[in-house]
Amino acid sequence: MELPFSQACENNKNVILNELKRYINVPGKLLEMGHGTGQHAIHMAPKLPVTWYASDLPENHEYLEMYLRQYPTENIKSKIPLKAGAAPLHKQLIETFDYIFTANTLHIMSEEQAYAFCNEVAELMQDNGLLFLYGPFKFGGEFTSESNANFDLSLKSRNPLSGIRDFEELEDRLNESGLELAERIDLPANNQMLVFKFQR
């Protein structure tokens, strides 16, 4: 069977990795929420001092398993079934992590799921843990580009509950959970990396 492939993952994997390397220099456990095809995990995990736990909807695990069969990666330790909004995250997954990373997921989720993620993600984090959110976001209610506005329309045409999220709305909920913005990084293709630090 042919390996699943996302062109977006192929395009952004190195720019994301470069930013993760700036922050991840102490060994720890990293949870990827929404591993998708598995391309990010296979590319990044061997290059970071982490044990990489990949999570997604159970029906997507086969994609990562296909990559692991072709590219065995020792520090990818688990494929975890996880869904924002289905039940509190800490009840779905009892471990805590030093790093949590998610790419291009919040605009696929419904608004309710995205906010549930923000309200609950701290329950999965170690003190001083780091949260990395990658993707397109709106700032001050405005899209950062015409292409992102068109992308938002495309998302809503497939699922009216999806859409590019407002940074300020996400930040407010993350702040309430003890996460503070450490850096906003502008990246190619009108995407951003948002880095939050958690302190109890």
Protein backbone atom coordinates (compact mmCIF):
# COMPACT_ATOMS: atom_id res chain seq x y z
CA MET A 1 0.00 0.00 0.00
CA GLU A 2 1.26 3.47 -0.87
CA LEU A 3 2.32 5.66 2.05
CA PRO A 4 -0.12 8.46 2.90
CA PHE A 5 1.24 11.84 1.96
CA SER A 6 0.44 15.44 2.87
CA GLN A 7 2.13 18.13 0.79
CA ALA A 8 1.55 20.65 3.57
CA CYS A 9 3.49 18.43 6.02
CA GLU A 10 6.28 18.06 3.51
CA ASN A 11 6.45 21.84 3.02
CA ASN A 12 6.43 22.83 6.69
CA LYS A 13 8.25 20.00 8.49
CA ASN A 14 11.67 21.68 8.47
CA VAL A 15 10.52 25.16 9.47
CA ILE A 16 8.55 23.66 12.36
CA LEU A 17 11.47 21.48 13.40
CA ASN A 18 13.81 24.48 13.44
CA GLU A 19 11.53 26.29 15.91
CA LEU A 20 11.07 23.21 18.10
CA LYS A 21 14.85 22.81 18.29
CA ARG A 22 15.14 26.35 19.70
CA TYR A 23 13.03 25.35 22.70
CA ILE A 24 13.52 21.61 23.13
CA ASN A 25 17.06 21.07 24.39
CA VAL A 26 16.31 19.12 27.56
CA PRO A 27 15.19 15.48 27.28
CA GLY A 28 11.54 14.93 27.99
CA LYS A 29 8.25 13.49 26.84
CA LEU A 30 6.47 15.11 23.88
CA LEU A 31 2.84 14.56 22.99
CA GLU A 32 1.84 15.25 19.40
CA MET A 33 -1.90 15.84 19.23
CA GLY A 34 -3.21 14.95 15.80
CA HIS A 35 -0.40 13.02 14.11
CA GLY A 36 -2.30 12.83 10.81
CA THR A 37 -0.29 11.00 8.17
CA GLY A 38 2.62 10.58 10.59
CA GLN A 39 5.07 12.59 8.47
CA HIS A 40 5.87 15.09 11.22
CA ALA A 41 6.56 12.39 13.80
CA ILE A 42 8.80 10.36 11.49
CA HIS A 43 10.77 13.45 10.42
CA MET A 44 11.09 15.28 13.73
CA ALA A 45 11.25 12.66 16.47
CA PRO A 46 14.74 11.34 15.59
CA LYS A 47 16.11 14.89 15.60
CA LEU A 48 14.85 15.91 19.06
CA PRO A 49 15.86 14.69 22.57
CA VAL A 50 12.37 13.42 23.34
CA THR A 51 10.23 10.38 23.68
CA TRP A 52 7.54 11.16 21.10
CA TYR A 53 3.96 10.08 21.88
CA ALA A 54 1.76 10.37 18.80
CA SER A 55 -2.00 10.72 19.27
CA ASP A 56 -4.95 11.00 16.92
CA LEU A 57 -8.34 9.50 16.21
CA PRO A 58 -8.01 5.69 16.21
CA GLU A 59 -8.88 5.47 12.51
CA ASN A 60 -5.76 7.51 11.66
CA HIS A 61 -3.27 5.32 13.53
CA GLU A 62 -2.72 3.06 10.52
CA TYR A 63 -1.12 5.98 8.64
CA LEU A 64 1.61 6.35 11.25
CA GLU A 65 2.02 2.58 11.52
CA MET A 66 2.67 2.42 7.78
CA TYR A 67 5.47 4.97 8.12
CA LEU A 68 6.93 3.21 11.15
CA ARG A 69 7.08 -0.08 9.26
CA GLN A 70 9.11 1.59 6.53
CA TYR A 71 11.07 3.98 8.77
CA PRO A 72 11.48 2.39 12.24
CA THR A 73 11.94 5.19 14.77
CA GLU A 74 13.03 4.15 18.26
CA ASN A 75 11.84 7.21 20.16
CA ILE A 76 8.26 7.10 18.86
CA LYS A 77 6.80 5.05 21.69
CA SER A 78 3.06 5.11 21.41
CA LYS A 79 0.02 5.72 19.24
CA ILE A 80 -2.65 7.13 21.53
CA PRO A 81 -6.38 7.44 20.76
CA LEU A 82 -7.34 10.99 21.72
CA LYS A 83 -10.15 13.36 20.73
CA ALA A 84 -10.66 16.90 21.97
CA GLY A 85 -14.13 17.42 23.37
CA ALA A 86 -15.02 13.72 23.57
CA ALA A 87 -14.16 13.58 27.28
CA PRO A 88 -11.78 15.60 29.45
CA LEU A 89 -8.28 15.09 28.06
CA HIS A 90 -6.82 14.03 31.41
CA LYS A 91 -9.39 11.23 31.58
CA GLN A 92 -8.47 10.02 28.11
CA LEU A 93 -4.76 10.13 28.89
CA ILE A 94 -3.41 9.89 32.43
CA GLU A 95 0.23 10.78 31.67
CA THR A 96 1.69 14.28 31.69
CA PHE A 97 4.22 15.72 29.26
CA ASP A 98 7.07 18.22 29.10
CA TYR A 99 6.11 19.30 25.59
CA ILE A 100 2.85 19.26 23.64
CA PHE A 101 2.82 19.97 19.91
CA THR A 102 -0.05 20.19 17.48
CA ALA A 103 -0.04 21.30 13.84
CA ASN A 104 -2.99 22.30 11.68
CA THR A 105 -5.60 20.84 13.99
CA LEU A 106 -7.48 23.68 15.67
CA HIS A 107 -9.06 24.87 12.42
CA ILE A 108 -10.19 21.31 11.63
CA MET A 109 -11.87 20.93 15.02
CA SER A 110 -15.17 22.58 15.77
CA GLU A 111 -14.99 25.76 17.83
CA GLU A 112 -16.31 23.80 20.81
CA GLN A 113 -13.56 21.19 20.44
CA ALA A 114 -10.84 23.83 20.00
CA TYR A 115 -11.94 25.63 23.16
CA ALA A 116 -12.18 22.34 25.06
CA PHE A 117 -8.59 21.66 24.04
CA CYS A 118 -7.49 25.06 25.38
CA ASN A 119 -9.41 24.62 28.62
CA GLU A 120 -8.07 21.12 29.28
CA VAL A 121 -4.57 20.86 27.79
CA ALA A 122 -2.84 22.11 30.96
CA GLU A 123 -4.04 18.95 32.72
CA LEU A 124 -1.61 17.02 30.49
CA MET A 125 1.40 19.27 31.14
CA GLN A 126 4.30 19.18 33.55
CA ASP A 127 5.12 22.40 35.41
CA ASN A 128 7.13 24.69 33.10
CA GLY A 129 5.98 22.58 30.16
CA LEU A 130 5.75 24.07 26.67
CA LEU A 131 2.82 24.04 24.27
CA PHE A 132 3.46 24.57 20.54
CA LEU A 133 0.50 25.48 18.30
CA TYR A 134 1.21 25.63 14.56
CA GLY A 135 -1.17 26.76 11.85
CA PRO A 136 -3.10 29.76 10.54
CA PHE A 137 -4.78 32.06 13.04
CA LYS A 138 -6.79 35.27 13.00
CA PHE A 139 -5.51 38.26 14.99
CA GLY A 140 -7.88 40.97 16.14
CA GLY A 141 -10.59 39.14 14.24
CA GLU A 142 -8.74 39.59 10.94
CA PHE A 143 -7.15 37.06 8.63
CA THR A 144 -3.44 37.56 8.03
CA SER A 145 -3.85 37.15 4.28
CA GLU A 146 -6.45 36.82 1.53
CA SER A 147 -5.34 33.21 1.01
CA ASN A 148 -6.17 32.41 4.64
CA ALA A 149 -9.61 34.02 4.23
CA ASN A 150 -10.20 31.80 1.19
CA PHE A 151 -8.91 28.78 3.09
CA ASP A 152 -11.41 29.52 5.87
CA LEU A 153 -14.25 29.54 3.33
CA SER A 154 -13.00 26.24 1.93
CA LEU A 155 -12.93 24.68 5.38
CA LYS A 156 -16.46 25.83 6.16
CA SER A 157 -17.75 24.53 2.82
CA ARG A 158 -16.67 21.03 3.89
CA ASN A 159 -17.64 21.38 7.56
CA PRO A 160 -19.47 24.49 8.80
CA LEU A 161 -18.13 23.90 12.33
CA SER A 162 -14.48 24.17 11.27
CA GLY A 163 -12.57 27.38 10.55
CA ILE A 164 -9.49 29.43 11.38
CA ARG A 165 -9.55 30.37 15.07
CA ASP A 166 -9.09 33.77 16.73
CA PHE A 167 -5.78 33.97 18.55
CA GLU A 168 -7.21 36.17 21.30
CA GLU A 169 -10.01 33.72 22.08
CA LEU A 170 -7.53 30.84 22.30
CA GLU A 171 -5.09 32.88 24.39
CA ASP A 172 -7.78 33.90 26.90
CA ARG A 173 -8.71 30.28 27.55
CA LEU A 174 -5.10 29.14 27.73
CA ASN A 175 -4.30 31.98 30.16
CA GLU A 176 -7.15 30.85 32.41
CA SER A 177 -5.52 27.42 32.52
CA GLY A 178 -2.11 28.76 33.51
CA LEU A 179 -0.46 29.01 30.10
CA GLU A 180 1.22 32.26 29.08
CA LEU A 181 2.36 33.22 25.59
CA ALA A 182 6.15 32.99 25.31
CA GLU A 183 6.50 33.80 21.62
CA ARG A 184 4.54 34.27 18.42
CA ILE A 185 6.60 33.25 15.39
CA ASP A 186 5.56 34.18 11.86
CA LEU A 187 6.33 31.35 9.46
CA PRO A 188 5.96 30.77 5.70
CA ALA A 189 2.60 30.35 3.97
CA ASN A 190 0.87 32.77 6.40
CA ASN A 191 1.18 30.37 9.34
CA GLN A 192 2.36 30.99 12.89
CA MET A 193 3.93 29.02 15.69
CA LEU A 194 2.48 30.03 19.05
CA VAL A 195 4.57 28.97 22.03
CA PHE A 196 2.95 28.90 25.49
CA LYS A 197 4.58 28.08 28.81
CA PHE A 198 2.67 26.41 31.63
CA GLN A 199 3.14 27.19 35.30
CA ARG A 200 0.89 25.89 38.07
